[in-house]
Amino acid sequence: MKCCDITAGMLRHPIIIERQTKVKNDSGGQNVLWSTHKNMKAQVKPKSGRERVYGMQLESPLTHTIIIRYTTDILTVDRVLFNGRLMQIRAVRNLEEMNRWIELSCEEGVAL
């Protein structure tokens, strides 16, 4: 998708970007907690689905392309919460390097 093909009216899906924090527990280990990093509007488009065997289990990941307004603080260690579904961010791309829109390549249905 080209940068100039996107309009603000296309961002009609509310999403939450979540970021993990690690907190020490009583047994000396760490617990991973996810908290809201940003609430945003986005364009969410399913891309493809497939089945694969991973760790002796069948997974059916579904990939999505998510378009959001430009920001510099989204990382591939973050995740997206959309309609109660969790998606791992696999790539963050500044469309046409114009600092207007960010494309997130996400995968749903995989271990985070």
PDB file of N, CA and C in Angstrom:
ATOM      1  N   MET A   1       0.839  -1.177   0.000  1.00  0.00           N
ATOM      2  CA  MET A   1       0.000   0.000   0.000  1.00  0.00           C
ATOM      3  C   MET A   1       0.883   1.238   0.000  1.00  0.00           C
ATOM      4  N   LYS A   2       0.504   2.200  -0.792  1.00  0.00           N
ATOM      5  CA  LYS A   2       1.277   3.428  -0.867  1.00  0.00           C
ATOM      6  C   LYS A   2       0.782   4.418   0.175  1.00  0.00           C
ATOM      7  N   CYS A   3       1.684   5.243   0.635  1.00  0.00           N
ATOM      8  CA  CYS A   3       1.399   6.225   1.674  1.00  0.00           C
ATOM      9  C   CYS A   3       0.269   7.174   1.270  1.00  0.00           C
ATOM     10  N   CYS A   4       0.295   7.629   0.038  1.00  0.00           N
ATOM     11  CA  CYS A   4      -0.690   8.620  -0.391  1.00  0.00           C
ATOM     12  C   CYS A   4      -2.068   8.002  -0.642  1.00  0.00           C
ATOM     13  N   ASP A   5      -2.188   6.675  -0.635  1.00  0.00           N
ATOM     14  CA  ASP A   5      -3.479   6.006  -0.824  1.00  0.00           C
ATOM     15  C   ASP A   5      -4.282   5.900   0.461  1.00  0.00           C
ATOM     16  N   ILE A   6      -3.714   6.275   1.581  1.00  0.00           N
ATOM     17  CA  ILE A   6      -4.353   6.123   2.883  1.00  0.00           C
ATOM     18  C   ILE A   6      -4.948   7.457   3.321  1.00  0.00           C
ATOM     19  N   THR A   7      -6.162   7.387   3.877  1.00  0.00           N
ATOM     20  CA  THR A   7      -6.788   8.582   4.445  1.00  0.00           C
ATOM     21  C   THR A   7      -7.163   8.293   5.897  1.00  0.00           C
ATOM     22  N   ALA A   8      -7.349   9.345   6.674  1.00  0.00           N
ATOM     23  CA  ALA A   8      -7.694   9.182   8.086  1.00  0.00           C
ATOM     24  C   ALA A   8      -9.016   8.438   8.263  1.00  0.00           C
ATOM     25  N   GLY A   9      -9.934   8.575   7.316  1.00  0.00           N
ATOM     26  CA  GLY A   9     -11.220   7.884   7.387  1.00  0.00           C
ATOM     27  C   GLY A   9     -11.108   6.372   7.312  1.00  0.00           C
ATOM     28  N   MET A  10      -9.986   5.863   6.842  1.00  0.00           N
ATOM     29  CA  MET A  10      -9.768   4.422   6.763  1.00  0.00           C
ATOM     30  C   MET A  10      -9.434   3.814   8.128  1.00  0.00           C
ATOM     31  N   LEU A  11      -9.064   4.653   9.081  1.00  0.00           N
ATOM     32  CA  LEU A  11      -8.687   4.165  10.416  1.00  0.00           C
ATOM     33  C   LEU A  11      -9.952   4.047  11.264  1.00  0.00           C
ATOM     34  N   ARG A  12     -10.677   2.956  11.098  1.00  0.00           N
ATOM     35  CA  ARG A  12     -11.969   2.819  11.763  1.00  0.00           C
ATOM     36  C   ARG A  12     -12.019   1.745  12.841  1.00  0.00           C
ATOM     37  N   HIS A  13     -10.920   1.033  13.037  1.00  0.00           N
ATOM     38  CA  HIS A  13     -10.884  -0.029  14.042  1.00  0.00           C
ATOM     39  C   HIS A  13     -10.121   0.429  15.290  1.00  0.00           C
ATOM     40  N   PRO A  14     -10.743   0.375  16.465  1.00  0.00           N
ATOM     41  CA  PRO A  14      -9.978   0.684  17.679  1.00  0.00           C
ATOM     42  C   PRO A  14      -9.070  -0.490  18.044  1.00  0.00           C
ATOM     43  N   ILE A  15      -7.818  -0.183  18.322  1.00  0.00           N
ATOM     44  CA  ILE A  15      -6.860  -1.207  18.752  1.00  0.00           C
ATOM     45  C   ILE A  15      -6.132  -0.712  19.997  1.00  0.00           C
ATOM     46  N   ILE A  16      -5.533  -1.640  20.699  1.00  0.00           N
ATOM     47  CA  ILE A  16      -4.693  -1.320  21.851  1.00  0.00           C
ATOM     48  C   ILE A  16      -3.321  -1.926  21.588  1.00  0.00           C
ATOM     49  N   ILE A  17      -2.296  -1.107  21.718  1.00  0.00           N
ATOM     50  CA  ILE A  17      -0.921  -1.603  21.660  1.00  0.00           C
ATOM     51  C   ILE A  17      -0.522  -1.902  23.098  1.00  0.00           C
ATOM     52  N   GLU A  18      -0.108  -3.130  23.356  1.00  0.00           N
ATOM     53  CA  GLU A  18       0.300  -3.535  24.697  1.00  0.00           C
ATOM     54  C   GLU A  18       1.806  -3.755  24.743  1.00  0.00           C
ATOM     55  N   ARG A  19       2.376  -3.416  25.872  1.00  0.00           N
ATOM     56  CA  ARG A  19       3.816  -3.589  26.079  1.00  0.00           C
ATOM     57  C   ARG A  19       4.016  -4.420  27.337  1.00  0.00           C
ATOM     58  N   GLN A  20       5.020  -5.282  27.295  1.00  0.00           N
ATOM     59  CA  GLN A  20       5.275  -6.144  28.447  1.00  0.00           C
ATOM     60  C   GLN A  20       6.265  -5.503  29.420  1.00  0.00           C
ATOM     61  N   THR A  21       6.070  -5.821  30.671  1.00  0.00           N
ATOM     62  CA  THR A  21       7.034  -5.461  31.706  1.00  0.00           C
ATOM     63  C   THR A  21       7.300  -6.729  32.504  1.00  0.00           C
ATOM     64  N   LYS A  22       8.504  -6.832  33.011  1.00  0.00           N
ATOM     65  CA  LYS A  22       8.871  -7.999  33.812  1.00  0.00           C
ATOM     66  C   LYS A  22       8.989  -7.566  35.265  1.00  0.00           C
ATOM     67  N   VAL A  23       8.319  -8.324  36.114  1.00  0.00           N
ATOM     68  CA  VAL A  23       8.290  -8.025  37.540  1.00  0.00           C
ATOM     69  C   VAL A  23       8.840  -9.226  38.291  1.00  0.00           C
ATOM     70  N   LYS A  24       9.756  -8.974  39.216  1.00  0.00           N
ATOM     71  CA  LYS A  24      10.312 -10.075  40.012  1.00  0.00           C
ATOM     72  C   LYS A  24       9.230 -10.664  40.904  1.00  0.00           C
ATOM     73  N   ASN A  25       9.248 -11.994  41.004  1.00  0.00           N
ATOM     74  CA  ASN A  25       8.299 -12.658  41.898  1.00  0.00           C
ATOM     75  C   ASN A  25       9.007 -13.152  43.148  1.00  0.00           C
ATOM     76  N   ASP A  26       8.268 -13.729  44.066  1.00  0.00           N
ATOM     77  CA  ASP A  26       8.809 -14.160  45.356  1.00  0.00           C
ATOM     78  C   ASP A  26       9.808 -15.306  45.244  1.00  0.00           C
ATOM     79  N   SER A  27       9.742 -16.073  44.171  1.00  0.00           N
ATOM     80  CA  SER A  27      10.647 -17.219  44.042  1.00  0.00           C
ATOM     81  C   SER A  27      11.932 -16.871  43.290  1.00  0.00           C
ATOM     82  N   GLY A  28      12.157 -15.577  43.026  1.00  0.00           N
ATOM     83  CA  GLY A  28      13.383 -15.145  42.379  1.00  0.00           C
ATOM     84  C   GLY A  28      13.308 -15.079  40.860  1.00  0.00           C
ATOM     85  N   GLY A  29      12.204 -15.498  40.317  1.00  0.00           N
ATOM     86  CA  GLY A  29      12.019 -15.436  38.866  1.00  0.00           C
ATOM     87  C   GLY A  29      11.348 -14.132  38.460  1.00  0.00           C
ATOM     88  N   GLN A  30      10.842 -14.117  37.256  1.00  0.00           N
ATOM     89  CA  GLN A  30      10.159 -12.936  36.752  1.00  0.00           C
ATOM     90  C   GLN A  30       8.811 -13.319  36.158  1.00  0.00           C
ATOM     91  N   ASN A  31       7.823 -12.479  36.402  1.00  0.00           N
ATOM     92  CA  ASN A  31       6.521 -12.622  35.776  1.00  0.00           C
ATOM     93  C   ASN A  31       6.412 -11.565  34.678  1.00  0.00           C
ATOM     94  N   VAL A  32       5.818 -11.950  33.575  1.00  0.00           N
ATOM     95  CA  VAL A  32       5.607 -11.012  32.471  1.00  0.00           C
ATOM     96  C   VAL A  32       4.189 -10.461  32.585  1.00  0.00           C
ATOM     97  N   LEU A  33       4.082  -9.150  32.637  1.00  0.00           N
ATOM     98  CA  LEU A  33       2.788  -8.477  32.686  1.00  0.00           C
ATOM     99  C   LEU A  33       2.632  -7.624  31.436  1.00  0.00           C
ATOM    100  N   TRP A  34       1.448  -7.620  30.859  1.00  0.00           N
ATOM    101  CA  TRP A  34       1.150  -6.799  29.685  1.00  0.00           C
ATOM    102  C   TRP A  34       0.249  -5.657  30.124  1.00  0.00           C
ATOM    103  N   SER A  35       0.582  -4.450  29.686  1.00  0.00           N
ATOM    104  CA  SER A  35      -0.241  -3.289  30.012  1.00  0.00           C
ATOM    105  C   SER A  35      -0.427  -2.430  28.761  1.00  0.00           C
ATOM    106  N   THR A  36      -1.449  -1.590  28.802  1.00  0.00           N
ATOM    107  CA  THR A  36      -1.754  -0.725  27.662  1.00  0.00           C
ATOM    108  C   THR A  36      -0.644   0.288  27.462  1.00  0.00           C
ATOM    109  N   HIS A  37      -0.112   0.331  26.262  1.00  0.00           N
ATOM    110  CA  HIS A  37       0.898   1.320  25.884  1.00  0.00           C
ATOM    111  C   HIS A  37       0.238   2.471  25.129  1.00  0.00           C
ATOM    112  N   LYS A  38      -0.664   2.142  24.183  1.00  0.00           N
ATOM    113  CA  LYS A  38      -1.366   3.159  23.393  1.00  0.00           C
ATOM    114  C   LYS A  38      -2.729   2.637  22.975  1.00  0.00           C
ATOM    115  N   ASN A  39      -3.710   3.523  22.961  1.00  0.00           N
ATOM    116  CA  ASN A  39      -5.002   3.272  22.329  1.00  0.00           C
ATOM    117  C   ASN A  39      -4.991   4.031  21.011  1.00  0.00           C
ATOM    118  N   MET A  40      -5.347   3.368  19.917  1.00  0.00           N
ATOM    119  CA  MET A  40      -5.258   3.998  18.604  1.00  0.00           C
ATOM    120  C   MET A  40      -6.411   3.548  17.722  1.00  0.00           C
ATOM    121  N   LYS A  41      -6.600   4.268  16.646  1.00  0.00           N
ATOM    122  CA  LYS A  41      -7.493   3.847  15.567  1.00  0.00           C
ATOM    123  C   LYS A  41      -6.610   3.305  14.456  1.00  0.00           C
ATOM    124  N   ALA A  42      -7.090   2.278  13.769  1.00  0.00           N
ATOM    125  CA  ALA A  42      -6.260   1.606  12.768  1.00  0.00           C
ATOM    126  C   ALA A  42      -7.120   1.055  11.648  1.00  0.00           C
ATOM    127  N   GLN A  43      -6.453   0.724  10.570  1.00  0.00           N
ATOM    128  CA  GLN A  43      -7.057  -0.073   9.512  1.00  0.00           C
ATOM    129  C   GLN A  43      -6.496  -1.479   9.690  1.00  0.00           C
ATOM    130  N   VAL A  44      -7.363  -2.453   9.851  1.00  0.00           N
ATOM    131  CA  VAL A  44      -6.934  -3.837  10.074  1.00  0.00           C
ATOM    132  C   VAL A  44      -7.416  -4.683   8.898  1.00  0.00           C
ATOM    133  N   LYS A  45      -6.469  -5.335   8.225  1.00  0.00           N
ATOM    134  CA  LYS A  45      -6.810  -6.162   7.071  1.00  0.00           C
ATOM    135  C   LYS A  45      -6.190  -7.545   7.232  1.00  0.00           C
ATOM    136  N   PRO A  46      -7.018  -8.608   7.225  1.00  0.00           N
ATOM    137  CA  PRO A  46      -6.458  -9.958   7.225  1.00  0.00           C
ATOM    138  C   PRO A  46      -5.690 -10.182   5.934  1.00  0.00           C
ATOM    139  N   LYS A  47      -4.591 -10.908   6.038  1.00  0.00           N
ATOM    140  CA  LYS A  47      -3.732 -11.135   4.878  1.00  0.00           C
ATOM    141  C   LYS A  47      -3.736 -12.583   4.422  1.00  0.00           C
ATOM    142  N   SER A  48      -3.337 -13.476   5.299  1.00  0.00           N
ATOM    143  CA  SER A  48      -3.267 -14.879   4.904  1.00  0.00           C
ATOM    144  C   SER A  48      -3.370 -15.766   6.130  1.00  0.00           C
ATOM    145  N   GLY A  49      -3.675 -17.005   5.886  1.00  0.00           N
ATOM    146  CA  GLY A  49      -3.727 -17.998   6.953  1.00  0.00           C
ATOM    147  C   GLY A  49      -3.068 -19.274   6.480  1.00  0.00           C
ATOM    148  N   ARG A  50      -2.586 -20.056   7.419  1.00  0.00           N
ATOM    149  CA  ARG A  50      -1.953 -21.324   7.065  1.00  0.00           C
ATOM    150  C   ARG A  50      -1.923 -22.196   8.317  1.00  0.00           C
ATOM    151  N   GLU A  51      -1.588 -23.443   8.143  1.00  0.00           N
ATOM    152  CA  GLU A  51      -1.407 -24.350   9.275  1.00  0.00           C
ATOM    153  C   GLU A  51       0.036 -24.802   9.295  1.00  0.00           C
ATOM    154  N   ARG A  52       0.562 -24.988  10.501  1.00  0.00           N
ATOM    155  CA  ARG A  52       1.923 -25.500  10.633  1.00  0.00           C
ATOM    156  C   ARG A  52       2.038 -26.263  11.947  1.00  0.00           C
ATOM    157  N   VAL A  53       2.994 -27.157  11.985  1.00  0.00           N
ATOM    158  CA  VAL A  53       3.278 -27.894  13.213  1.00  0.00           C
ATOM    159  C   VAL A  53       4.445 -27.200  13.889  1.00  0.00           C
ATOM    160  N   TYR A  54       4.261 -26.823  15.130  1.00  0.00           N
ATOM    161  CA  TYR A  54       5.287 -26.122  15.881  1.00  0.00           C
ATOM    162  C   TYR A  54       5.325 -26.713  17.274  1.00  0.00           C
ATOM    163  N   GLY A  55       6.446 -27.267  17.661  1.00  0.00           N
ATOM    164  CA  GLY A  55       6.571 -27.872  18.991  1.00  0.00           C
ATOM    165  C   GLY A  55       5.590 -29.005  19.207  1.00  0.00           C
ATOM    166  N   MET A  56       5.405 -29.835  18.168  1.00  0.00           N
ATOM    167  CA  MET A  56       4.503 -30.991  18.219  1.00  0.00           C
ATOM    168  C   MET A  56       3.038 -30.595  18.351  1.00  0.00           C
ATOM    169  N   GLN A  57       2.701 -29.337  18.063  1.00  0.00           N
ATOM    170  CA  GLN A  57       1.309 -28.893  18.113  1.00  0.00           C
ATOM    171  C   GLN A  57       0.964 -28.204  16.799  1.00  0.00           C
ATOM    172  N   LEU A  58      -0.275 -28.345  16.394  1.00  0.00           N
ATOM    173  CA  LEU A  58      -0.740 -27.711  15.169  1.00  0.00           C
ATOM    174  C   LEU A  58      -1.148 -26.277  15.483  1.00  0.00           C
ATOM    175  N   GLU A  59      -0.573 -25.333  14.743  1.00  0.00           N
ATOM    176  CA  GLU A  59      -0.940 -23.917  14.877  1.00  0.00           C
ATOM    177  C   GLU A  59      -1.591 -23.469  13.577  1.00  0.00           C
ATOM    178  N   SER A  60      -2.497 -22.515  13.687  1.00  0.00           N
ATOM    179  CA  SER A  60      -3.134 -21.934  12.511  1.00  0.00           C
ATOM    180  C   SER A  60      -3.013 -20.423  12.584  1.00  0.00           C
ATOM    181  N   PRO A  61      -1.813 -19.888  12.367  1.00  0.00           N
ATOM    182  CA  PRO A  61      -1.648 -18.439  12.479  1.00  0.00           C
ATOM    183  C   PRO A  61      -2.320 -17.710  11.320  1.00  0.00           C
ATOM    184  N   LEU A  62      -2.872 -16.564  11.616  1.00  0.00           N
ATOM    185  CA  LEU A  62      -3.479 -15.698  10.625  1.00  0.00           C
ATOM    186  C   LEU A  62      -2.711 -14.393  10.639  1.00  0.00           C
ATOM    187  N   THR A  63      -2.273 -13.942   9.489  1.00  0.00           N
ATOM    188  CA  THR A  63      -1.504 -12.705   9.446  1.00  0.00           C
ATOM    189  C   THR A  63      -2.417 -11.535   9.082  1.00  0.00           C
ATOM    190  N   HIS A  64      -2.062 -10.378   9.612  1.00  0.00           N
ATOM    191  CA  HIS A  64      -2.810  -9.152   9.377  1.00  0.00           C
ATOM    192  C   HIS A  64      -1.841  -8.021   9.038  1.00  0.00           C
ATOM    193  N   THR A  65      -2.331  -7.083   8.262  1.00  0.00           N
ATOM    194  CA  THR A  65      -1.626  -5.835   8.049  1.00  0.00           C
ATOM    195  C   THR A  65      -2.443  -4.760   8.759  1.00  0.00           C
ATOM    196  N   ILE A  66      -1.780  -4.017   9.634  1.00  0.00           N
ATOM    197  CA  ILE A  66      -2.448  -2.966  10.399  1.00  0.00           C
ATOM    198  C   ILE A  66      -1.764  -1.645  10.068  1.00  0.00           C
ATOM    199  N   ILE A  67      -2.559  -0.653   9.674  1.00  0.00           N
ATOM    200  CA  ILE A  67      -2.054   0.678   9.354  1.00  0.00           C
ATOM    201  C   ILE A  67      -2.458   1.630  10.481  1.00  0.00           C
ATOM    202  N   ILE A  68      -1.482   2.377  11.003  1.00  0.00           N
ATOM    203  CA  ILE A  68      -1.736   3.380  12.049  1.00  0.00           C
ATOM    204  C   ILE A  68      -1.023   4.670  11.670  1.00  0.00           C
ATOM    205  N   ARG A  69      -1.375   5.741  12.372  1.00  0.00           N
ATOM    206  CA  ARG A  69      -0.658   7.000  12.175  1.00  0.00           C
ATOM    207  C   ARG A  69       0.783   6.833  12.631  1.00  0.00           C
ATOM    208  N   TYR A  70       1.668   7.624  12.062  1.00  0.00           N
ATOM    209  CA  TYR A  70       3.098   7.532  12.358  1.00  0.00           C
ATOM    210  C   TYR A  70       3.371   7.784  13.839  1.00  0.00           C
ATOM    211  N   THR A  71       4.195   6.960  14.397  1.00  0.00           N
ATOM    212  CA  THR A  71       4.691   7.107  15.758  1.00  0.00           C
ATOM    213  C   THR A  71       6.052   6.419  15.814  1.00  0.00           C
ATOM    214  N   THR A  72       6.875   6.812  16.754  1.00  0.00           N
ATOM    215  CA  THR A  72       8.216   6.235  16.827  1.00  0.00           C
ATOM    216  C   THR A  72       8.364   5.210  17.943  1.00  0.00           C
ATOM    217  N   ASP A  73       7.301   4.945  18.684  1.00  0.00           N
ATOM    218  CA  ASP A  73       7.461   4.098  19.871  1.00  0.00           C
ATOM    219  C   ASP A  73       6.683   2.785  19.831  1.00  0.00           C
ATOM    220  N   ILE A  74       6.567   2.188  18.660  1.00  0.00           N
ATOM    221  CA  ILE A  74       5.990   0.853  18.540  1.00  0.00           C
ATOM    222  C   ILE A  74       7.136  -0.105  18.223  1.00  0.00           C
ATOM    223  N   LEU A  75       7.198  -1.207  18.971  1.00  0.00           N
ATOM    224  CA  LEU A  75       8.305  -2.161  18.846  1.00  0.00           C
ATOM    225  C   LEU A  75       7.786  -3.540  18.454  1.00  0.00           C
ATOM    226  N   THR A  76       8.658  -4.373  17.930  1.00  0.00           N
ATOM    227  CA  THR A  76       8.255  -5.733  17.585  1.00  0.00           C
ATOM    228  C   THR A  76       8.055  -6.614  18.817  1.00  0.00           C
ATOM    229  N   VAL A  77       8.440  -6.148  19.978  1.00  0.00           N
ATOM    230  CA  VAL A  77       8.165  -6.901  21.209  1.00  0.00           C
ATOM    231  C   VAL A  77       6.792  -6.558  21.771  1.00  0.00           C
ATOM    232  N   ASP A  78       6.125  -5.563  21.187  1.00  0.00           N
ATOM    233  CA  ASP A  78       4.777  -5.191  21.600  1.00  0.00           C
ATOM    234  C   ASP A  78       3.775  -6.138  20.944  1.00  0.00           C
ATOM    235  N   ARG A  79       2.530  -6.029  21.354  1.00  0.00           N
ATOM    236  CA  ARG A  79       1.472  -6.806  20.720  1.00  0.00           C
ATOM    237  C   ARG A  79       0.238  -5.927  20.540  1.00  0.00           C
ATOM    238  N   VAL A  80      -0.664  -6.386  19.690  1.00  0.00           N
ATOM    239  CA  VAL A  80      -1.891  -5.645  19.382  1.00  0.00           C
ATOM    240  C   VAL A  80      -3.073  -6.423  19.923  1.00  0.00           C
ATOM    241  N   LEU A  81      -3.977  -5.718  20.591  1.00  0.00           N
ATOM    242  CA  LEU A  81      -5.242  -6.293  21.032  1.00  0.00           C
ATOM    243  C   LEU A  81      -6.325  -5.683  20.153  1.00  0.00           C
ATOM    244  N   PHE A  82      -7.015  -6.532  19.390  1.00  0.00           N
ATOM    245  CA  PHE A  82      -8.051  -6.089  18.463  1.00  0.00           C
ATOM    246  C   PHE A  82      -9.268  -7.002  18.604  1.00  0.00           C
ATOM    247  N   ASN A  83     -10.388  -6.438  19.013  1.00  0.00           N
ATOM    248  CA  ASN A  83     -11.632  -7.211  19.186  1.00  0.00           C
ATOM    249  C   ASN A  83     -11.431  -8.457  20.053  1.00  0.00           C
ATOM    250  N   GLY A  84     -10.648  -8.326  21.115  1.00  0.00           N
ATOM    251  CA  GLY A  84     -10.403  -9.442  22.018  1.00  0.00           C
ATOM    252  C   GLY A  84      -9.393 -10.454  21.516  1.00  0.00           C
ATOM    253  N   ARG A  85      -8.785 -10.189  20.371  1.00  0.00           N
ATOM    254  CA  ARG A  85      -7.793 -11.094  19.784  1.00  0.00           C
ATOM    255  C   ARG A  85      -6.412 -10.480  19.911  1.00  0.00           C
ATOM    256  N   LEU A  86      -5.434 -11.323  20.259  1.00  0.00           N
ATOM    257  CA  LEU A  86      -4.054 -10.864  20.413  1.00  0.00           C
ATOM    258  C   LEU A  86      -3.244 -11.176  19.167  1.00  0.00           C
ATOM    259  N   MET A  87      -2.438 -10.195  18.757  1.00  0.00           N
ATOM    260  CA  MET A  87      -1.590 -10.355  17.583  1.00  0.00           C
ATOM    261  C   MET A  87      -0.178  -9.916  17.928  1.00  0.00           C
ATOM    262  N   GLN A  88       0.782 -10.754  17.592  1.00  0.00           N
ATOM    263  CA  GLN A  88       2.189 -10.437  17.798  1.00  0.00           C
ATOM    264  C   GLN A  88       2.670  -9.575  16.641  1.00  0.00           C
ATOM    265  N   ILE A  89       3.334  -8.467  16.935  1.00  0.00           N
ATOM    266  CA  ILE A  89       3.889  -7.607  15.892  1.00  0.00           C
ATOM    267  C   ILE A  89       5.184  -8.235  15.393  1.00  0.00           C
ATOM    268  N   ARG A  90       5.244  -8.519  14.107  1.00  0.00           N
ATOM    269  CA  ARG A  90       6.419  -9.132  13.490  1.00  0.00           C
ATOM    270  C   ARG A  90       7.310  -8.114  12.796  1.00  0.00           C
ATOM    271  N   ALA A  91       6.723  -7.012  12.295  1.00  0.00           N
ATOM    272  CA  ALA A  91       7.510  -5.983  11.612  1.00  0.00           C
ATOM    273  C   ALA A  91       6.796  -4.645  11.724  1.00  0.00           C
ATOM    274  N   VAL A  92       7.590  -3.582  11.809  1.00  0.00           N
ATOM    275  CA  VAL A  92       7.090  -2.208  11.860  1.00  0.00           C
ATOM    276  C   VAL A  92       7.740  -1.473  10.695  1.00  0.00           C
ATOM    277  N   ARG A  93       6.912  -0.909   9.814  1.00  0.00           N
ATOM    278  CA  ARG A  93       7.454  -0.284   8.603  1.00  0.00           C
ATOM    279  C   ARG A  93       6.880   1.113   8.415  1.00  0.00           C
ATOM    280  N   ASN A  94       7.754   2.088   8.254  1.00  0.00           N
ATOM    281  CA  ASN A  94       7.384   3.476   7.957  1.00  0.00           C
ATOM    282  C   ASN A  94       7.101   3.535   6.454  1.00  0.00           C
ATOM    283  N   LEU A  95       5.823   3.665   6.091  1.00  0.00           N
ATOM    284  CA  LEU A  95       5.458   3.621   4.676  1.00  0.00           C
ATOM    285  C   LEU A  95       6.124   4.741   3.894  1.00  0.00           C
ATOM    286  N   GLU A  96       6.858   4.354   2.879  1.00  0.00           N
ATOM    287  CA  GLU A  96       7.580   5.251   1.987  1.00  0.00           C
ATOM    288  C   GLU A  96       8.491   6.237   2.716  1.00  0.00           C
ATOM    289  N   GLU A  97       8.842   5.918   3.970  1.00  0.00           N
ATOM    290  CA  GLU A  97       9.730   6.769   4.782  1.00  0.00           C
ATOM    291  C   GLU A  97       9.263   8.229   4.815  1.00  0.00           C
ATOM    292  N   MET A  98       7.915   8.402   4.859  1.00  0.00           N
ATOM    293  CA  MET A  98       7.353   9.754   4.841  1.00  0.00           C
ATOM    294  C   MET A  98       6.877  10.225   6.220  1.00  0.00           C
ATOM    295  N   ASN A  99       7.013   9.387   7.244  1.00  0.00           N
ATOM    296  CA  ASN A  99       6.607   9.729   8.609  1.00  0.00           C
ATOM    297  C   ASN A  99       5.135  10.134   8.705  1.00  0.00           C
ATOM    298  N   ARG A 100       4.287   9.440   7.924  1.00  0.00           N
ATOM    299  CA  ARG A 100       2.852   9.699   7.984  1.00  0.00           C
ATOM    300  C   ARG A 100       2.080   8.492   8.491  1.00  0.00           C
ATOM    301  N   TRP A 101       2.463   7.308   8.025  1.00  0.00           N
ATOM    302  CA  TRP A 101       1.747   6.077   8.360  1.00  0.00           C
ATOM    303  C   TRP A 101       2.745   4.970   8.688  1.00  0.00           C
ATOM    304  N   ILE A 102       2.330   4.104   9.597  1.00  0.00           N
ATOM    305  CA  ILE A 102       3.113   2.930   9.974  1.00  0.00           C
ATOM    306  C   ILE A 102       2.309   1.689   9.584  1.00  0.00           C
ATOM    307  N   GLU A 103       2.993   0.728   8.989  1.00  0.00           N
ATOM    308  CA  GLU A 103       2.378  -0.554   8.675  1.00  0.00           C
ATOM    309  C   GLU A 103       2.937  -1.596   9.635  1.00  0.00           C
ATOM    310  N   LEU A 104       2.046  -2.255  10.360  1.00  0.00           N
ATOM    311  CA  LEU A 104       2.442  -3.325  11.268  1.00  0.00           C
ATOM    312  C   LEU A 104       2.080  -4.655  10.608  1.00  0.00           C
ATOM    313  N   SER A 105       3.053  -5.525  10.490  1.00  0.00           N
ATOM    314  CA  SER A 105       2.786  -6.897  10.048  1.00  0.00           C
ATOM    315  C   SER A 105       2.617  -7.721  11.306  1.00  0.00           C
ATOM    316  N   CYS A 106       1.439  -8.302  11.479  1.00  0.00           N
ATOM    317  CA  CYS A 106       1.113  -8.999  12.728  1.00  0.00           C
ATOM    318  C   CYS A 106       0.687 -10.425  12.453  1.00  0.00           C
ATOM    319  N   GLU A 107       0.834 -11.250  13.493  1.00  0.00           N
ATOM    320  CA  GLU A 107       0.458 -12.656  13.380  1.00  0.00           C
ATOM    321  C   GLU A 107      -0.414 -13.015  14.577  1.00  0.00           C
ATOM    322  N   GLU A 108      -1.572 -13.563  14.274  1.00  0.00           N
ATOM    323  CA  GLU A 108      -2.525 -13.977  15.302  1.00  0.00           C
ATOM    324  C   GLU A 108      -2.509 -15.488  15.405  1.00  0.00           C
ATOM    325  N   GLY A 109      -2.707 -15.997  16.596  1.00  0.00           N
ATOM    326  CA  GLY A 109      -2.802 -17.447  16.760  1.00  0.00           C
ATOM    327  C   GLY A 109      -1.468 -18.123  16.958  1.00  0.00           C
ATOM    328  N   VAL A 110      -0.465 -17.373  17.438  1.00  0.00           N
ATOM    329  CA  VAL A 110       0.839 -17.958  17.736  1.00  0.00           C
ATOM    330  C   VAL A 110       1.197 -17.640  19.180  1.00  0.00           C
ATOM    331  N   ALA A 111       2.105 -18.407  19.711  1.00  0.00           N
ATOM    332  CA  ALA A 111       2.572 -18.149  21.079  1.00  0.00           C
ATOM    333  C   ALA A 111       3.303 -16.814  21.107  1.00  0.00           C
ATOM    334  N   LEU A 112       3.009 -16.021  22.123  1.00  0.00           N
ATOM    335  CA  LEU A 112       3.638 -14.687  22.223  1.00  0.00           C
ATOM    336  C   LEU A 112       4.859 -14.724  23.087  1.00  0.00           C
TER     337      LEU A 112
END
